[in-house]
Protein backbone atom coordinates (compact mmCIF):
# COMPACT_ATOMS: atom_id res chain seq x y z
CA UNK A 1 -12.76 -16.04 -24.30
CA UNK A 2 -15.73 -17.53 -26.10
CA UNK A 3 -17.89 -18.41 -23.16
CA UNK A 4 -20.79 -20.75 -23.86
CA UNK A 5 -24.19 -19.62 -22.57
CA UNK A 6 -26.14 -22.96 -22.63
CA UNK A 7 -29.57 -22.79 -21.16
CA UNK A 8 -29.50 -26.33 -19.80
CA UNK A 9 -25.69 -26.80 -19.45
CA UNK A 10 -23.25 -26.22 -16.68
CA UNK A 11 -23.15 -22.42 -15.60
CA UNK A 12 -21.93 -20.15 -12.94
CA UNK A 13 -24.65 -18.08 -11.33
CA UNK A 14 -24.61 -14.39 -10.19
CA UNK A 15 -23.64 -15.19 -6.58
CA UNK A 16 -20.02 -15.78 -7.69
CA UNK A 17 -17.41 -13.74 -5.62
CA UNK A 18 -14.43 -14.48 -8.01
CA UNK A 19 -12.66 -16.45 -5.32
CA UNK A 20 -10.87 -18.59 -7.97
CA UNK A 21 -11.73 -21.98 -6.47
CA UNK A 22 -13.69 -23.32 -9.35
CA UNK A 23 -10.99 -22.14 -11.74
CA UNK A 24 -8.35 -24.12 -9.85
CA UNK A 25 -10.26 -27.40 -9.91
CA UNK A 26 -11.69 -27.05 -13.39
CA UNK A 27 -8.99 -25.34 -15.49
CA UNK A 28 -9.92 -24.77 -19.17
CA UNK A 29 -13.67 -25.29 -18.33
CA UNK A 30 -14.07 -22.55 -15.85
CA UNK A 31 -12.27 -19.14 -16.36
CA UNK A 32 -12.48 -15.49 -15.37
CA UNK A 33 -14.68 -13.34 -17.37
CA UNK A 34 -15.45 -9.68 -16.50
CA UNK A 35 -14.34 -10.09 -12.86
CA UNK A 36 -16.11 -13.44 -12.04
CA UNK A 37 -15.93 -17.12 -13.01
CA UNK A 38 -17.79 -18.36 -15.99
CA UNK A 39 -18.06 -21.75 -17.83
CA UNK A 40 -15.90 -21.45 -20.80
CA UNK A 41 -17.20 -24.53 -22.42
CA UNK A 42 -19.30 -27.67 -21.59
CA UNK A 43 -17.54 -30.85 -20.61
CA UNK A 44 -16.62 -33.27 -23.44
CA UNK A 45 -16.09 -36.46 -21.29
CA UNK A 46 -16.57 -38.02 -17.91
CA UNK A 47 -13.26 -36.79 -16.58
CA UNK A 48 -14.19 -33.11 -17.46
CA UNK A 49 -17.65 -33.62 -15.92
CA UNK A 50 -16.03 -34.90 -12.76
CA UNK A 51 -13.88 -31.65 -12.56
CA UNK A 52 -16.94 -29.60 -12.75
CA UNK A 53 -18.68 -31.63 -9.98
CA UNK A 54 -15.57 -31.08 -7.77
CA UNK A 55 -15.79 -27.34 -8.52
CA UNK A 56 -19.49 -27.34 -7.59
CA UNK A 57 -18.88 -29.04 -4.28
CA UNK A 58 -16.01 -26.69 -3.43
CA UNK A 59 -17.66 -23.41 -4.44
CA UNK A 60 -18.26 -21.27 -1.28
CA UNK A 61 -21.31 -19.67 -2.85
CA UNK A 62 -22.69 -22.85 -4.59
CA UNK A 63 -22.57 -20.84 -7.78
CA UNK A 64 -21.25 -23.64 -10.00
CA UNK A 65 -24.49 -25.21 -11.15
CA UNK A 66 -24.89 -28.53 -12.99
CA UNK A 67 -27.40 -28.84 -15.84
CA UNK A 68 -30.36 -29.81 -13.62
CA UNK A 69 -29.43 -27.07 -11.12
CA UNK A 70 -28.81 -29.48 -8.20
CA UNK A 71 -25.42 -30.70 -6.90
CA UNK A 72 -25.28 -34.52 -6.66
CA UNK A 73 -23.97 -35.79 -3.27
CA UNK A 74 -22.83 -39.05 -5.06
CA UNK A 75 -20.49 -36.94 -7.18
CA UNK A 76 -18.72 -35.25 -4.23
CA UNK A 77 -15.01 -36.24 -4.42
CA UNK A 78 -13.94 -34.62 -1.16
CA UNK A 79 -11.61 -35.07 0.70
CA UNK A 80 -9.60 -35.22 -2.50
CA UNK A 81 -5.99 -36.41 -2.81
CA UNK A 82 -3.50 -33.94 -4.19
CA UNK A 83 -2.66 -36.38 -6.99
CA UNK A 84 -6.35 -36.10 -8.11
CA UNK A 85 -6.57 -32.30 -8.14
CA UNK A 86 -7.16 -31.21 -11.79
CA UNK A 87 -7.54 -34.69 -13.16
CA UNK A 88 -11.19 -34.89 -12.20
CA UNK A 89 -11.10 -38.02 -10.07
CA UNK A 90 -11.33 -38.15 -6.24
CA UNK A 91 -11.52 -40.37 -3.21
CA UNK A 92 -14.77 -39.44 -1.90
CA UNK A 93 -18.09 -41.15 -2.22
CA UNK A 94 -21.49 -40.02 -1.03
CA UNK A 95 -21.06 -36.93 1.20
CA UNK A 96 -23.46 -38.13 3.70
CA UNK A 97 -21.58 -41.42 4.34
CA UNK A 98 -18.26 -39.79 5.44
CA UNK A 99 -16.35 -42.48 3.62
CA UNK A 100 -13.58 -40.47 1.69
CA UNK A 101 -10.40 -42.32 2.22
CA UNK A 102 -7.95 -41.38 -0.50
CA UNK A 103 -4.18 -40.95 -0.06
CA UNK A 104 -1.55 -39.17 -2.02
CA UNK A 105 0.23 -41.80 -4.06
CA UNK A 106 3.38 -39.81 -4.36
CA UNK A 107 4.09 -39.76 -0.59
CA UNK A 108 6.90 -42.01 0.51
CA UNK A 109 6.73 -44.40 3.41
CA UNK A 110 7.37 -42.67 6.79
CA UNK A 111 5.76 -39.38 5.63
CA UNK A 112 2.14 -38.17 5.49
CA UNK A 113 -0.15 -37.38 2.59
CA UNK A 114 -2.57 -34.50 1.92
CA UNK A 115 -6.17 -34.32 0.91
CA UNK A 116 -7.98 -31.19 -0.11
CA UNK A 117 -11.12 -30.67 1.93
CA UNK A 118 -13.30 -28.79 -0.61
CA UNK A 119 -16.59 -27.35 0.66
CA UNK A 120 -14.97 -23.95 0.96
CA UNK A 121 -16.81 -21.54 3.38
CA UNK A 122 -18.13 -18.14 2.45
CA UNK A 123 -17.12 -17.07 6.04
CA UNK A 124 -13.47 -17.61 5.14
CA UNK A 125 -13.63 -15.78 1.87
CA UNK A 126 -13.68 -19.20 0.08
CA UNK A 127 -10.33 -20.26 1.46
CA UNK A 128 -9.03 -23.75 0.77
CA UNK A 129 -8.38 -26.11 3.62
CA UNK A 130 -6.48 -29.40 3.88
CA UNK A 131 -6.19 -32.66 5.80
CA UNK A 132 -2.60 -33.55 6.57
CA UNK A 133 -2.43 -37.40 7.04
CA UNK A 134 0.17 -38.71 9.49
CA UNK A 135 1.97 -42.08 9.33
CA UNK A 136 0.26 -43.14 12.50
CA UNK A 137 -3.23 -42.88 10.87
CA UNK A 138 -4.33 -39.60 12.42
CA UNK A 139 -4.75 -36.24 10.63
CA UNK A 140 -4.43 -32.50 11.13
CA UNK A 141 -6.79 -30.07 9.52
CA UNK A 142 -5.18 -27.00 8.24
CA UNK A 143 -7.74 -24.18 8.16
CA UNK A 144 -11.40 -25.18 7.81
CA UNK A 145 -14.09 -25.88 5.29
CA UNK A 146 -17.70 -24.78 5.83
CA UNK A 147 -19.03 -26.39 9.08
CA UNK A 148 -21.61 -29.25 9.28
CA UNK A 149 -21.59 -32.45 11.44
CA UNK A 150 -21.87 -34.52 8.24
CA UNK A 151 -18.73 -32.85 6.76
CA UNK A 152 -16.89 -33.25 10.12
CA UNK A 153 -17.66 -37.00 10.08
CA UNK A 154 -16.46 -37.29 6.48
CA UNK A 155 -13.16 -35.65 7.30
CA UNK A 156 -12.62 -37.86 10.27
CA UNK A 157 -13.40 -41.03 8.44
CA UNK A 158 -9.85 -41.64 7.30
CA UNK A 159 -8.67 -41.37 10.85
CA UNK A 160 -8.89 -39.24 14.09
CA UNK A 161 -8.16 -35.55 13.51
CA UNK A 162 -5.96 -34.50 16.48
CA UNK A 163 -5.18 -30.80 15.66
CA UNK A 164 -6.84 -27.91 13.79
CA UNK A 165 -4.11 -25.59 12.64
CA UNK A 166 -5.21 -21.93 11.78
CA UNK A 167 -2.90 -20.02 9.48
CA UNK A 168 -4.33 -16.68 10.47
CA UNK A 169 -7.55 -14.81 11.70
CA UNK A 170 -9.31 -14.68 8.41
CA UNK A 171 -9.70 -18.47 8.40
CA UNK A 172 -10.53 -18.89 12.05
CA UNK A 173 -14.37 -18.70 12.06
CA UNK A 174 -15.09 -22.48 12.08
CA UNK A 175 -11.97 -23.55 14.08
CA UNK A 176 -13.56 -24.05 17.43
CA UNK A 177 -16.53 -26.05 16.02
CA UNK A 178 -14.30 -28.41 14.07
CA UNK A 179 -11.92 -28.77 16.97
CA UNK A 180 -14.64 -29.64 19.44
CA UNK A 181 -16.30 -31.91 16.91
CA UNK A 182 -13.00 -33.90 16.41
CA UNK A 183 -12.07 -33.58 20.01
CA UNK A 184 -8.90 -31.85 18.63
CA UNK A 185 -6.47 -29.09 19.73
CA UNK A 186 -7.06 -25.72 18.17
CA UNK A 187 -3.81 -23.75 17.22
CA UNK A 188 -3.38 -20.00 16.41
CA UNK A 189 -0.70 -17.36 16.81
CA UNK A 190 -0.78 -14.83 19.55
CA UNK A 191 -0.91 -11.97 17.04
CA UNK A 192 -4.40 -13.17 15.82
CA UNK A 193 -5.59 -14.63 19.07
CA UNK A 194 -8.55 -12.38 19.32
CA UNK A 195 -9.93 -14.28 16.32
CA UNK A 196 -9.87 -17.51 18.43
CA UNK A 197 -9.47 -16.54 22.03
CA UNK A 198 -10.42 -19.99 23.25
CA UNK A 199 -7.63 -21.68 21.15
CA UNK A 200 -5.91 -24.55 22.99
CA UNK A 201 -2.42 -23.89 21.79
CA UNK A 202 -1.01 -20.42 21.14
CA UNK A 203 2.13 -19.89 19.00
CA UNK A 204 4.30 -16.88 20.12
CA UNK A 205 6.97 -14.76 18.65
CA UNK A 206 8.71 -15.35 15.22
CA UNK A 207 10.84 -18.42 15.92
CA UNK A 208 9.71 -21.85 14.33
CA UNK A 209 8.07 -24.24 16.65
CA UNK A 210 7.86 -28.01 16.32
CA UNK A 211 4.30 -28.98 17.03
CA UNK A 212 4.31 -32.63 16.19
CA UNK A 213 6.76 -35.16 14.67
CA UNK A 214 7.59 -33.78 11.22
CA UNK A 215 5.35 -30.73 11.55
CA UNK A 216 6.76 -27.20 12.08
CA UNK A 217 4.84 -23.97 12.63
CA UNK A 218 6.70 -20.86 11.18
CA UNK A 219 5.30 -17.48 12.38
CA UNK A 220 5.12 -15.25 9.35
CA UNK A 221 3.75 -11.76 10.16
CA UNK A 222 2.75 -9.78 7.16
CA UNK A 223 -0.62 -10.59 5.79
CA UNK A 224 -1.90 -10.41 9.28
CA UNK A 225 0.09 -9.88 12.52
CA UNK A 226 -0.40 -13.55 13.53
CA UNK A 227 0.00 -15.37 10.09
CA UNK A 228 1.74 -18.81 10.24
CA UNK A 229 3.15 -21.25 7.77
CA UNK A 230 2.81 -24.96 8.60
CA UNK A 231 5.50 -27.20 7.15
CA UNK A 232 5.27 -30.93 7.02
CA UNK A 233 7.93 -33.66 6.27
CA UNK A 234 10.00 -31.16 4.43
CA UNK A 235 7.54 -31.81 1.59
CA UNK A 236 4.39 -29.61 2.27
CA UNK A 237 3.95 -25.91 2.93
CA UNK A 238 0.59 -24.65 3.98
CA UNK A 239 0.98 -20.95 3.45
CA UNK A 240 -2.40 -19.49 4.31
CA UNK A 241 -2.46 -16.17 2.61
CA UNK A 242 1.19 -15.28 2.91
CA UNK A 243 2.11 -16.43 -0.56
CA UNK A 244 0.59 -18.55 -3.31
CA UNK A 245 1.12 -19.89 -6.98
CA UNK A 246 -0.11 -17.41 -9.51
CA UNK A 247 -1.26 -18.78 -12.81
CA UNK A 248 -0.95 -15.19 -14.32
CA UNK A 249 2.73 -14.89 -13.59
CA UNK A 250 3.62 -18.60 -13.42
CA UNK A 251 5.51 -17.84 -10.17
CA UNK A 252 5.04 -17.59 -6.28
CA UNK A 253 3.50 -14.24 -5.37
CA UNK A 254 2.32 -12.24 -2.41
CA UNK A 255 -1.07 -10.62 -2.46
CA UNK A 256 0.22 -7.29 -1.86
CA UNK A 257 -3.14 -5.74 -2.56
CA UNK A 258 -4.78 -7.82 0.24
CA UNK A 259 -2.16 -7.34 3.02
CA UNK A 260 -4.00 -6.39 6.14
CA UNK A 261 -1.17 -5.90 8.51
CA UNK A 262 2.10 -4.84 6.88
CA UNK A 263 3.83 -5.51 3.46
CA UNK A 264 7.03 -4.47 5.12
CA UNK A 265 6.62 -7.14 7.77
CA UNK A 266 5.83 -9.63 5.11
CA UNK A 267 9.03 -8.76 3.22
CA UNK A 268 10.86 -9.26 6.45
CA UNK A 269 9.31 -12.61 7.09
CA UNK A 270 10.35 -13.71 3.56
CA UNK A 271 13.98 -12.40 4.04
CA UNK A 272 14.24 -14.20 7.40
CA UNK A 273 12.92 -17.57 6.30
CA UNK A 274 13.21 -17.87 2.43
CA UNK A 275 16.49 -19.70 2.55
CA UNK A 276 15.39 -22.08 5.24
CA UNK A 277 12.04 -23.23 4.11
CA UNK A 278 12.25 -26.70 2.55
CA UNK A 279 9.15 -28.00 0.72
CA UNK A 280 7.98 -29.32 -2.63
CA UNK A 281 4.27 -28.66 -2.45
CA UNK A 282 2.99 -25.14 -2.06
CA UNK A 283 -0.46 -25.23 -0.59
CA UNK A 284 -2.20 -21.92 -0.03
CA UNK A 285 -5.52 -20.74 1.40
CA UNK A 286 -6.14 -18.57 -1.75
CA UNK A 287 -4.51 -18.87 -5.04
CA UNK A 288 -3.28 -21.99 -6.91
CA UNK A 289 -1.16 -24.94 -5.67
CA UNK A 290 2.15 -25.96 -7.12
CA UNK A 291 4.41 -29.03 -6.99
CA UNK A 292 8.19 -28.19 -7.72
CA UNK A 293 11.56 -29.63 -6.68
CA UNK A 294 12.91 -28.27 -3.36
CA UNK A 295 15.63 -26.46 -4.91
CA UNK A 296 13.40 -24.56 -7.38
CA UNK A 297 10.89 -23.65 -4.63
CA UNK A 298 13.86 -22.22 -2.58
CA UNK A 299 15.19 -20.16 -5.61
CA UNK A 300 11.72 -18.86 -6.26
CA UNK A 301 11.20 -17.80 -2.68
CA UNK A 302 14.48 -15.94 -2.58
CA UNK A 303 13.35 -14.08 -5.80
CA UNK A 304 10.05 -13.36 -4.17
CA UNK A 305 11.72 -12.00 -0.93
CA UNK A 306 13.67 -9.53 -3.14
CA UNK A 307 10.62 -8.37 -5.02
CA UNK A 308 8.50 -8.06 -2.00
CA UNK A 309 11.17 -5.92 -0.32
CA UNK A 310 10.53 -3.35 -3.27
CA UNK A 311 6.76 -3.16 -2.83
CA UNK A 312 5.29 -0.07 -1.32
CA UNK A 313 2.23 -0.13 1.08
CA UNK A 314 -1.02 0.08 -0.73
CA UNK A 315 -4.70 0.11 -0.11
CA UNK A 316 -6.60 -3.10 0.11
CA UNK A 317 -8.03 -3.98 -3.45
CA UNK A 318 -9.36 -7.39 -4.00
CA UNK A 319 -9.76 -6.97 -7.71
CA UNK A 320 -5.90 -6.39 -8.21
CA UNK A 321 -4.89 -9.97 -7.12
CA UNK A 322 -2.98 -11.77 -9.92
CA UNK A 323 -4.62 -15.18 -9.84
């Protein structure tokens, strides 16, 4: 891939766990080499430099290092509007000020918008988390970034956070802290309740449940027993680790090599819901994001349900995920 080894340039250090976060935020600049991320080339302009700063502030192991070796709080773009992901621009300012206030310019009136939280946590395997902005000025947090009071203030700056929605057990570790910091309700499914036994709201069974105006929880056992999708405004699908967009296959995929509970249950969840899920934005915990028309998302989910039905159970193997 022609990686550049520049002594005083941008680099990825040896703590990298190959979580894919930096590659999502700085495509073409950061890529996978020998089972970990590496800087493929140095930035050529301000926009590319901004992408690398975003990757540095999102990296869960802080492995993406600027030329001087120190991340600059003034270059922290999070929380970042979806429109800005991959373009190198963001809504945040100094991370200590808590003043990020961006919105998604594609959202129509009467619906919400979404911000990417960044600051991914090593305790959630580097999972992405999101702020779902609501028309009344409040927000919901879907899964959580690394915890700090300064970050909590930053995420609450655009408006009060009323709910913390956990997609499954792997992403639960900071849930209570954020919920208490915001004065918010913490949600989880009963199948993963032992990961957040003090949750304020417990989802049950497999039937979809409305949890707020325009927001639907869809239980989706498979990756874990208590996995849940959250759908908002027939526009956004927060899929946790149930499915994601793969750059390798240019399609929606399941992480069959990292299915803790049951690939058969995951196939059943897809078969039960694929034709009923209506959204344009696929926003996973791990793997890439994608924006497509409703109809194409529905068709791809139907094909995914068919493919997943044919998958046999297999041992967990993180190295086999098709990012």
